[in-house]
């Protein structure tokens, strides 16, 4: 693919797919309600994003690196909050 075309497509795609996770991370952080979030899905997704980041580093692609670094941070927050919520629910059930 032409470098100019790949850049023209790569940066906006990276920006939009990354920004798409901001509302979920924001809502999860502020409401602490993650009842609709699937732990296996988010765990697999976060692992996939980490691998995409590694791939971006391996090929030296700035759009891939930037998008996946930010997405990894956002997804990790949601994943962490989900794990905390599940542990809290388990502790309550054990009482």
C-alpha atoms as a PDB file:
ATOM      1  CA  UNK A   1       0.000   0.000   0.000  1.00  0.00           C
ATOM      2  CA  UNK A   2       1.185   3.499  -0.741  1.00  0.00           C
ATOM      3  CA  UNK A   3       2.795   5.037   2.353  1.00  0.00           C
ATOM      4  CA  UNK A   4       0.739   8.217   2.050  1.00  0.00           C
ATOM      5  CA  UNK A   5      -2.494   6.226   1.776  1.00  0.00           C
ATOM      6  CA  UNK A   6      -1.552   3.944   4.659  1.00  0.00           C
ATOM      7  CA  UNK A   7      -0.824   6.989   6.827  1.00  0.00           C
ATOM      8  CA  UNK A   8      -4.026   8.682   5.678  1.00  0.00           C
ATOM      9  CA  UNK A   9      -5.998   5.601   6.726  1.00  0.00           C
ATOM     10  CA  UNK A  10      -3.866   4.475   9.665  1.00  0.00           C
ATOM     11  CA  UNK A  11      -3.904   7.529  11.892  1.00  0.00           C
ATOM     12  CA  UNK A  12      -7.659   8.229  11.738  1.00  0.00           C
ATOM     13  CA  UNK A  13      -8.436   4.518  12.183  1.00  0.00           C
ATOM     14  CA  UNK A  14      -6.109   4.321  15.168  1.00  0.00           C
ATOM     15  CA  UNK A  15      -7.600   7.469  16.680  1.00  0.00           C
ATOM     16  CA  UNK A  16     -11.233   6.435  16.243  1.00  0.00           C
ATOM     17  CA  UNK A  17     -10.852   2.872  17.497  1.00  0.00           C
ATOM     18  CA  UNK A  18      -8.918   4.114  20.516  1.00  0.00           C
ATOM     19  CA  UNK A  19     -11.321   6.926  21.386  1.00  0.00           C
ATOM     20  CA  UNK A  20     -14.187   4.413  21.176  1.00  0.00           C
ATOM     21  CA  UNK A  21     -13.016   2.931  24.509  1.00  0.00           C
ATOM     22  CA  UNK A  22     -13.011   6.218  26.412  1.00  0.00           C
ATOM     23  CA  UNK A  23     -16.774   6.235  27.174  1.00  0.00           C
ATOM     24  CA  UNK A  24     -16.685   2.692  28.599  1.00  0.00           C
ATOM     25  CA  UNK A  25     -13.620   3.382  30.726  1.00  0.00           C
ATOM     26  CA  UNK A  26     -15.127   6.682  31.927  1.00  0.00           C
ATOM     27  CA  UNK A  27     -18.498   5.141  32.805  1.00  0.00           C
ATOM     28  CA  UNK A  28     -16.892   2.141  34.487  1.00  0.00           C
ATOM     29  CA  UNK A  29     -14.610   4.350  36.561  1.00  0.00           C
ATOM     30  CA  UNK A  30     -17.342   6.728  37.711  1.00  0.00           C
ATOM     31  CA  UNK A  31     -20.226   4.312  38.285  1.00  0.00           C
ATOM     32  CA  UNK A  32     -18.200   1.262  39.339  1.00  0.00           C
ATOM     33  CA  UNK A  33     -21.012  -0.738  37.706  1.00  0.00           C
ATOM     34  CA  UNK A  34     -19.464  -3.378  35.495  1.00  0.00           C
ATOM     35  CA  UNK A  35     -22.302  -5.877  35.667  1.00  0.00           C
ATOM     36  CA  UNK A  36     -22.674  -5.802  31.883  1.00  0.00           C
ATOM     37  CA  UNK A  37     -18.977  -6.416  31.230  1.00  0.00           C
ATOM     38  CA  UNK A  38     -17.820  -9.950  30.446  1.00  0.00           C
ATOM     39  CA  UNK A  39     -14.580 -10.784  32.270  1.00  0.00           C
ATOM     40  CA  UNK A  40     -13.433 -13.436  29.752  1.00  0.00           C
ATOM     41  CA  UNK A  41     -14.123 -11.088  26.829  1.00  0.00           C
ATOM     42  CA  UNK A  42     -12.259  -8.172  28.401  1.00  0.00           C
ATOM     43  CA  UNK A  43      -9.352 -10.382  29.481  1.00  0.00           C
ATOM     44  CA  UNK A  44      -8.978 -11.769  25.953  1.00  0.00           C
ATOM     45  CA  UNK A  45      -9.409  -8.319  24.440  1.00  0.00           C
ATOM     46  CA  UNK A  46      -6.760  -6.794  26.714  1.00  0.00           C
ATOM     47  CA  UNK A  47      -4.333  -9.607  25.887  1.00  0.00           C
ATOM     48  CA  UNK A  48      -5.026  -9.092  22.183  1.00  0.00           C
ATOM     49  CA  UNK A  49      -4.353  -5.361  22.471  1.00  0.00           C
ATOM     50  CA  UNK A  50      -1.072  -6.088  24.274  1.00  0.00           C
ATOM     51  CA  UNK A  51      -0.080  -8.390  21.415  1.00  0.00           C
ATOM     52  CA  UNK A  52      -1.038  -5.740  18.850  1.00  0.00           C
ATOM     53  CA  UNK A  53       1.158  -3.279  20.736  1.00  0.00           C
ATOM     54  CA  UNK A  54       4.026  -5.759  20.574  1.00  0.00           C
ATOM     55  CA  UNK A  55       3.400  -6.205  16.856  1.00  0.00           C
ATOM     56  CA  UNK A  56       3.383  -2.443  16.332  1.00  0.00           C
ATOM     57  CA  UNK A  57       6.705  -2.167  18.156  1.00  0.00           C
ATOM     58  CA  UNK A  58       8.142  -5.016  16.078  1.00  0.00           C
ATOM     59  CA  UNK A  59       7.214  -3.380  12.767  1.00  0.00           C
ATOM     60  CA  UNK A  60       7.810   0.190  13.943  1.00  0.00           C
ATOM     61  CA  UNK A  61       4.315   1.416  13.068  1.00  0.00           C
ATOM     62  CA  UNK A  62       3.509   4.607  14.945  1.00  0.00           C
ATOM     63  CA  UNK A  63      -0.289   4.406  14.431  1.00  0.00           C
ATOM     64  CA  UNK A  64      -0.384   0.798  15.663  1.00  0.00           C
ATOM     65  CA  UNK A  65       1.855   1.582  18.641  1.00  0.00           C
ATOM     66  CA  UNK A  66       0.014   4.750  19.674  1.00  0.00           C
ATOM     67  CA  UNK A  67      -3.481   3.325  19.309  1.00  0.00           C
ATOM     68  CA  UNK A  68      -2.741   0.116  21.141  1.00  0.00           C
ATOM     69  CA  UNK A  69      -0.737   1.755  23.931  1.00  0.00           C
ATOM     70  CA  UNK A  70      -3.672   4.018  24.782  1.00  0.00           C
ATOM     71  CA  UNK A  71      -6.257   1.264  24.261  1.00  0.00           C
ATOM     72  CA  UNK A  72      -4.232  -1.064  26.491  1.00  0.00           C
ATOM     73  CA  UNK A  73      -4.322   1.496  29.296  1.00  0.00           C
ATOM     74  CA  UNK A  74      -8.076   2.035  28.942  1.00  0.00           C
ATOM     75  CA  UNK A  75      -8.872  -1.675  28.637  1.00  0.00           C
ATOM     76  CA  UNK A  76      -6.631  -2.458  31.609  1.00  0.00           C
ATOM     77  CA  UNK A  77      -8.565  -0.005  33.779  1.00  0.00           C
ATOM     78  CA  UNK A  78     -11.886  -1.616  32.850  1.00  0.00           C
ATOM     79  CA  UNK A  79     -10.450  -5.113  33.339  1.00  0.00           C
ATOM     80  CA  UNK A  80      -9.016  -4.182  36.743  1.00  0.00           C
ATOM     81  CA  UNK A  81     -12.318  -2.638  37.841  1.00  0.00           C
ATOM     82  CA  UNK A  82     -14.187  -5.768  36.718  1.00  0.00           C
ATOM     83  CA  UNK A  83     -11.843  -8.020  38.703  1.00  0.00           C
ATOM     84  CA  UNK A  84     -12.222  -5.807  41.795  1.00  0.00           C
ATOM     85  CA  UNK A  85     -16.015  -5.880  41.421  1.00  0.00           C
ATOM     86  CA  UNK A  86     -16.083  -9.677  41.104  1.00  0.00           C
ATOM     87  CA  UNK A  87     -13.863 -10.131  44.164  1.00  0.00           C
ATOM     88  CA  UNK A  88     -16.047  -7.757  46.162  1.00  0.00           C
ATOM     89  CA  UNK A  89     -19.179  -9.686  45.153  1.00  0.00           C
ATOM     90  CA  UNK A  90     -17.544 -12.999  46.103  1.00  0.00           C
ATOM     91  CA  UNK A  91     -16.538 -11.625  49.505  1.00  0.00           C
ATOM     92  CA  UNK A  92     -20.102 -10.477  50.151  1.00  0.00           C
ATOM     93  CA  UNK A  93     -21.517 -13.877  49.147  1.00  0.00           C
ATOM     94  CA  UNK A  94     -19.105 -15.685  51.485  1.00  0.00           C
ATOM     95  CA  UNK A  95     -20.299 -13.735  54.539  1.00  0.00           C
END
